Amino acid sequence: MEFSQNLGHFLRNQMRQQGLTISELAENTTISRSAMQSYLSGDSNPRLDTIELLCQIWNVNPNVLLCGEPDQTKFSHDALIQQCLQLPPPIQTYVMELLQNIEHLVSLLAAANPSDTMQYITQVQELTNQEPQTFSSRST
């Protein structure tokens, strides 16, 4: 999910949980109704100062707005390791390295400020756009 979708999802959840209309949400956040509508629909993204304001209002980490609700990104580390151990050795090594890189990025994101988070997201996008490695089922 991209940032504008995450933000819209987060704002809709806040509206639903608090029983607010778009006008009331805009009034409560001091953001104009038209800007709020634009964020909800994903037509535009807020400036950094607006992201910071939203984070302060709802006491959330900027990564919640940028990357999605924490429950959308949960995974079972132990289950992933167990599944990885069932893979052929060359793939197992690759996946284990990938998991270590993901764990490192998650720790960086948890402590990052919004501008660093965008840099990390760009790095992840660059990595995921690389051609996948191919593995032989035979050991070399």
Protein backbone atom coordinates (compact mmCIF):
# COMPACT_ATOMS: atom_id res chain seq x y z
CA MET A 1 0.00 0.00 0.00
CA GLU A 2 1.43 3.40 -0.87
CA PHE A 3 1.59 6.41 1.43
CA SER A 4 -1.57 8.18 0.22
CA GLN A 5 -3.57 4.96 0.65
CA ASN A 6 -2.09 4.41 4.13
CA LEU A 7 -2.92 7.94 5.18
CA GLY A 8 -6.47 7.71 3.83
CA HIS A 9 -6.93 4.36 5.59
CA PHE A 10 -5.61 5.82 8.87
CA LEU A 11 -7.87 8.89 8.64
CA ARG A 12 -10.96 6.80 7.82
CA ASN A 13 -10.19 4.59 10.84
CA GLN A 14 -9.93 7.68 13.05
CA MET A 15 -13.24 8.97 11.69
CA ARG A 16 -14.94 5.61 12.30
CA GLN A 17 -13.47 5.14 15.80
CA GLN A 18 -14.39 8.67 16.87
CA GLY A 19 -17.70 8.88 14.97
CA LEU A 20 -16.58 11.98 13.07
CA THR A 21 -17.58 13.44 9.72
CA ILE A 22 -14.98 14.85 7.33
CA SER A 23 -15.87 18.36 8.48
CA GLU A 24 -15.49 17.43 12.15
CA LEU A 25 -12.19 15.64 11.49
CA ALA A 26 -10.91 18.68 9.62
CA GLU A 27 -12.04 21.01 12.40
CA ASN A 28 -10.44 18.84 15.09
CA THR A 29 -7.12 18.81 13.23
CA THR A 30 -7.14 22.44 11.98
CA ILE A 31 -6.76 21.09 8.45
CA SER A 32 -9.15 22.45 5.84
CA ARG A 33 -12.07 20.25 4.82
CA SER A 34 -10.93 20.24 1.16
CA ALA A 35 -7.39 19.20 2.14
CA MET A 36 -8.78 16.47 4.40
CA GLN A 37 -11.01 15.21 1.58
CA SER A 38 -7.99 15.18 -0.73
CA TYR A 39 -5.95 13.13 1.80
CA LEU A 40 -8.84 10.71 2.33
CA SER A 41 -9.23 10.11 -1.40
CA GLY A 42 -5.48 9.82 -1.98
CA ASP A 43 -5.51 12.69 -4.47
CA SER A 44 -2.73 14.53 -2.64
CA ASN A 45 -0.23 14.05 0.13
CA PRO A 46 0.21 16.40 3.08
CA ARG A 47 3.31 18.45 3.72
CA LEU A 48 5.74 17.24 6.35
CA ASP A 49 4.43 19.73 8.93
CA THR A 50 0.92 18.34 8.43
CA ILE A 51 2.18 14.78 8.93
CA GLU A 52 3.87 15.92 12.14
CA LEU A 53 0.62 17.58 13.28
CA LEU A 54 -1.40 14.42 12.64
CA CYS A 55 1.17 12.35 14.53
CA GLN A 56 0.98 14.73 17.49
CA ILE A 57 -2.83 14.78 17.51
CA TRP A 58 -3.15 10.98 17.58
CA ASN A 59 0.15 10.26 19.33
CA VAL A 60 1.41 7.92 16.61
CA ASN A 61 4.81 7.36 15.05
CA PRO A 62 5.10 8.87 11.54
CA ASN A 63 5.70 5.36 10.24
CA VAL A 64 2.08 4.49 11.02
CA LEU A 65 1.01 7.16 8.52
CA LEU A 66 3.73 6.33 6.02
CA CYS A 67 3.73 2.54 6.18
CA GLY A 68 0.35 1.55 7.58
CA GLU A 69 -1.16 0.49 10.84
CA PRO A 70 1.13 -1.66 12.98
CA ASP A 71 -1.25 -4.61 12.74
CA GLN A 72 -0.91 -4.53 8.95
CA THR A 73 2.84 -5.14 9.21
CA LYS A 74 2.93 -7.83 11.89
CA PHE A 75 4.52 -11.12 11.09
CA SER A 76 5.67 -14.07 13.10
CA HIS A 77 9.44 -14.10 13.12
CA ASP A 78 9.59 -17.68 14.43
CA ALA A 79 7.15 -18.92 11.78
CA LEU A 80 9.23 -17.31 9.02
CA ILE A 81 12.40 -18.92 10.34
CA GLN A 82 10.72 -22.33 10.53
CA GLN A 83 9.48 -22.02 6.95
CA CYS A 84 12.89 -20.84 5.80
CA LEU A 85 14.58 -23.90 7.34
CA GLN A 86 12.47 -26.11 5.07
CA LEU A 87 13.87 -24.50 1.91
CA PRO A 88 16.78 -25.90 -0.15
CA PRO A 89 20.15 -24.65 1.20
CA PRO A 90 20.97 -21.98 -1.45
CA ILE A 91 17.49 -20.46 -1.17
CA GLN A 92 17.57 -20.78 2.62
CA THR A 93 20.77 -18.72 2.80
CA TYR A 94 19.30 -16.03 0.54
CA VAL A 95 16.03 -15.83 2.49
CA MET A 96 17.83 -15.70 5.85
CA GLU A 97 19.95 -12.78 4.60
CA LEU A 98 16.81 -11.08 3.34
CA LEU A 99 15.11 -11.51 6.74
CA GLN A 100 18.13 -10.00 8.48
CA ASN A 101 18.00 -7.00 6.13
CA ILE A 102 14.27 -6.58 6.82
CA GLU A 103 14.85 -6.74 10.57
CA HIS A 104 17.53 -4.07 10.24
CA LEU A 105 15.24 -1.82 8.20
CA VAL A 106 12.37 -2.28 10.67
CA SER A 107 14.63 -1.23 13.55
CA LEU A 108 15.79 1.82 11.58
CA LEU A 109 12.20 2.77 10.72
CA ALA A 110 11.10 2.48 14.33
CA ALA A 111 13.65 5.10 15.38
CA ALA A 112 13.55 7.26 12.26
CA ASN A 113 12.24 10.73 11.70
CA PRO A 114 9.89 11.23 8.71
CA SER A 115 12.59 12.31 6.23
CA ASP A 116 14.74 9.29 7.11
CA THR A 117 11.71 7.04 6.76
CA MET A 118 11.12 8.25 3.20
CA GLN A 119 14.80 7.56 2.42
CA TYR A 120 14.47 4.00 3.78
CA ILE A 121 11.26 3.43 1.84
CA THR A 122 13.04 4.54 -1.35
CA GLN A 123 15.89 2.13 -0.62
CA VAL A 124 13.45 -0.75 -0.10
CA GLN A 125 11.66 0.09 -3.34
CA GLU A 126 14.98 0.07 -5.19
CA LEU A 127 15.85 -3.31 -3.69
CA THR A 128 12.47 -4.82 -4.53
CA ASN A 129 12.72 -3.63 -8.13
CA GLN A 130 15.91 -5.63 -8.70
CA GLU A 131 15.78 -8.79 -10.74
CA PRO A 132 15.23 -11.81 -8.50
CA GLN A 133 18.07 -14.27 -8.15
CA THR A 134 17.61 -17.69 -9.62
CA PHE A 135 18.71 -20.76 -7.74
CA SER A 136 19.68 -24.14 -8.91
CA SER A 137 18.24 -27.07 -7.01
CA ARG A 138 21.71 -28.64 -7.21
CA SER A 139 24.45 -27.69 -4.78
CA THR A 140 27.57 -26.23 -6.33
